[in-house]
Amino acid sequence: MRYNDRVTLIYLTGPVDELTGEISKRIVADVPSTIIPITDVQELATYGLLKTTAYEVHLKNNVDVPNRLSIDGIEQSIVTSYRQRKVTVIICGK
């Protein structure tokens, strides 16, 4: 599999700041990946994403699952993830 695309992994760390309401983030930029849009209606219904655009993101090797994922500057929520021997697959949508 070729990993031609790049994504940004966003890990939310620490508690919420009481004054600003912001959460501290750890960002890992330009992670090699393969991004596949999910177009099958049955698969979208399985993940509860019928009204949004959903993506299947393949990351090489085992990676800690992030809290959010940024594709082309747009943050996506993580719906589910799978870890296999040499790949991590993340299903994400808005």
C-alpha atoms as a PDB file:
ATOM      1  CA  MET A   1       0.000   0.000   0.000  1.00  0.00           C
ATOM      2  CA  ARG A   2       1.265   3.458  -0.836  1.00  0.00           C
ATOM      3  CA  TYR A   3       1.131   6.201   1.769  1.00  0.00           C
ATOM      4  CA  ASN A   4       1.022   9.267  -0.493  1.00  0.00           C
ATOM      5  CA  ASP A   5      -1.288  11.474   1.607  1.00  0.00           C
ATOM      6  CA  ARG A   6      -0.426  13.462   4.728  1.00  0.00           C
ATOM      7  CA  VAL A   7      -2.582  13.969   7.825  1.00  0.00           C
ATOM      8  CA  THR A   8      -2.111  15.715  11.162  1.00  0.00           C
ATOM      9  CA  LEU A   9      -2.782  13.755  14.347  1.00  0.00           C
ATOM     10  CA  ILE A  10      -4.184  15.762  17.270  1.00  0.00           C
ATOM     11  CA  TYR A  11      -3.918  14.383  20.806  1.00  0.00           C
ATOM     12  CA  LEU A  12      -5.834  16.214  23.535  1.00  0.00           C
ATOM     13  CA  THR A  13      -3.711  16.207  26.673  1.00  0.00           C
ATOM     14  CA  GLY A  14      -4.299  17.606  30.124  1.00  0.00           C
ATOM     15  CA  PRO A  15      -7.367  19.118  31.754  1.00  0.00           C
ATOM     16  CA  VAL A  16      -9.514  21.985  30.438  1.00  0.00           C
ATOM     17  CA  ASP A  17      -8.175  25.449  31.305  1.00  0.00           C
ATOM     18  CA  GLU A  18     -10.688  27.092  33.659  1.00  0.00           C
ATOM     19  CA  LEU A  19     -10.099  30.626  32.365  1.00  0.00           C
ATOM     20  CA  THR A  20     -10.141  30.099  28.602  1.00  0.00           C
ATOM     21  CA  GLY A  21     -11.859  26.713  28.296  1.00  0.00           C
ATOM     22  CA  GLU A  22      -9.118  25.443  25.990  1.00  0.00           C
ATOM     23  CA  ILE A  23      -7.546  22.018  26.122  1.00  0.00           C
ATOM     24  CA  SER A  24      -3.826  21.595  25.587  1.00  0.00           C
ATOM     25  CA  LYS A  25      -3.025  19.737  22.374  1.00  0.00           C
ATOM     26  CA  ARG A  26      -0.106  17.710  21.129  1.00  0.00           C
ATOM     27  CA  ILE A  27       0.081  17.869  17.345  1.00  0.00           C
ATOM     28  CA  VAL A  28       1.954  15.439  15.107  1.00  0.00           C
ATOM     29  CA  ALA A  29       2.096  16.899  11.585  1.00  0.00           C
ATOM     30  CA  ASP A  30       2.684  15.338   8.168  1.00  0.00           C
ATOM     31  CA  VAL A  31       2.079  11.698   9.040  1.00  0.00           C
ATOM     32  CA  PRO A  32       2.186   9.486   5.905  1.00  0.00           C
ATOM     33  CA  SER A  33      -1.194   7.896   5.259  1.00  0.00           C
ATOM     34  CA  THR A  34      -3.646   6.652   2.672  1.00  0.00           C
ATOM     35  CA  ILE A  35      -7.029   8.386   2.706  1.00  0.00           C
ATOM     36  CA  ILE A  36     -10.004   6.526   1.219  1.00  0.00           C
ATOM     37  CA  PRO A  37     -13.451   8.179   1.164  1.00  0.00           C
ATOM     38  CA  ILE A  38     -16.243   5.876   2.329  1.00  0.00           C
ATOM     39  CA  THR A  39     -19.015   5.950  -0.271  1.00  0.00           C
ATOM     40  CA  ASP A  40     -21.006   2.790   0.413  1.00  0.00           C
ATOM     41  CA  VAL A  41     -24.345   3.720   2.030  1.00  0.00           C
ATOM     42  CA  GLN A  42     -24.432   0.533   4.083  1.00  0.00           C
ATOM     43  CA  GLU A  43     -20.974   1.220   5.565  1.00  0.00           C
ATOM     44  CA  LEU A  44     -21.893   4.844   6.299  1.00  0.00           C
ATOM     45  CA  ALA A  45     -25.046   3.680   8.084  1.00  0.00           C
ATOM     46  CA  THR A  46     -22.974   1.234  10.150  1.00  0.00           C
ATOM     47  CA  TYR A  47     -20.858   4.075  11.527  1.00  0.00           C
ATOM     48  CA  GLY A  48     -23.784   6.523  11.800  1.00  0.00           C
ATOM     49  CA  LEU A  49     -22.300   8.930   9.246  1.00  0.00           C
ATOM     50  CA  LEU A  50     -24.994   9.119   6.548  1.00  0.00           C
ATOM     51  CA  LYS A  51     -25.174  12.936   6.510  1.00  0.00           C
ATOM     52  CA  THR A  52     -21.421  13.609   6.647  1.00  0.00           C
ATOM     53  CA  THR A  53     -18.333  12.871   4.632  1.00  0.00           C
ATOM     54  CA  ALA A  54     -16.464   9.930   6.118  1.00  0.00           C
ATOM     55  CA  TYR A  55     -12.919   8.773   5.497  1.00  0.00           C
ATOM     56  CA  GLU A  56     -10.968   5.599   6.084  1.00  0.00           C
ATOM     57  CA  VAL A  57      -7.394   6.581   6.967  1.00  0.00           C
ATOM     58  CA  HIS A  58      -4.626   3.972   6.868  1.00  0.00           C
ATOM     59  CA  LEU A  59      -1.481   4.746   8.898  1.00  0.00           C
ATOM     60  CA  LYS A  60       1.667   2.673   8.562  1.00  0.00           C
ATOM     61  CA  ASN A  61       2.629   0.674  11.684  1.00  0.00           C
ATOM     62  CA  ASN A  62       0.863   0.752  15.036  1.00  0.00           C
ATOM     63  CA  VAL A  63       0.098   4.321  16.078  1.00  0.00           C
ATOM     64  CA  ASP A  64      -1.549   5.581  19.254  1.00  0.00           C
ATOM     65  CA  VAL A  65      -5.105   6.506  18.281  1.00  0.00           C
ATOM     66  CA  PRO A  66      -5.502  10.310  18.305  1.00  0.00           C
ATOM     67  CA  ASN A  67      -8.512  12.220  19.618  1.00  0.00           C
ATOM     68  CA  ARG A  68      -8.896  14.124  16.348  1.00  0.00           C
ATOM     69  CA  LEU A  69      -7.476  14.010  12.858  1.00  0.00           C
ATOM     70  CA  SER A  70      -6.849  16.920  10.496  1.00  0.00           C
ATOM     71  CA  ILE A  71      -7.218  16.306   6.752  1.00  0.00           C
ATOM     72  CA  ASP A  72      -6.394  19.304   4.537  1.00  0.00           C
ATOM     73  CA  GLY A  73      -6.791  21.649   7.517  1.00  0.00           C
ATOM     74  CA  ILE A  74     -10.254  20.344   8.500  1.00  0.00           C
ATOM     75  CA  GLU A  75     -10.521  18.585  11.870  1.00  0.00           C
ATOM     76  CA  GLN A  76     -12.318  15.257  11.799  1.00  0.00           C
ATOM     77  CA  SER A  77     -13.698  13.306  14.768  1.00  0.00           C
ATOM     78  CA  ILE A  78     -12.580   9.723  15.264  1.00  0.00           C
ATOM     79  CA  VAL A  79     -15.472   7.260  15.022  1.00  0.00           C
ATOM     80  CA  THR A  80     -13.575   3.997  15.436  1.00  0.00           C
ATOM     81  CA  SER A  81     -10.131   2.566  14.899  1.00  0.00           C
ATOM     82  CA  TYR A  82      -8.573  -0.812  14.196  1.00  0.00           C
ATOM     83  CA  ARG A  83      -5.043  -1.944  14.882  1.00  0.00           C
ATOM     84  CA  GLN A  84      -3.537  -4.750  12.905  1.00  0.00           C
ATOM     85  CA  ARG A  85       0.002  -6.072  12.792  1.00  0.00           C
ATOM     86  CA  LYS A  86       1.528  -3.400  10.538  1.00  0.00           C
ATOM     87  CA  VAL A  87      -1.261  -0.867  10.001  1.00  0.00           C
ATOM     88  CA  THR A  88      -3.671   1.298  11.969  1.00  0.00           C
ATOM     89  CA  VAL A  89      -7.022   2.051  10.305  1.00  0.00           C
ATOM     90  CA  ILE A  90      -9.046   5.030  11.535  1.00  0.00           C
ATOM     91  CA  ILE A  91     -12.638   5.779  10.502  1.00  0.00           C
ATOM     92  CA  CYS A  92     -13.319   9.495  10.866  1.00  0.00           C
ATOM     93  CA  GLY A  93     -16.045  11.998   9.994  1.00  0.00           C
ATOM     94  CA  LYS A  94     -17.048  15.531  10.846  1.00  0.00           C
END
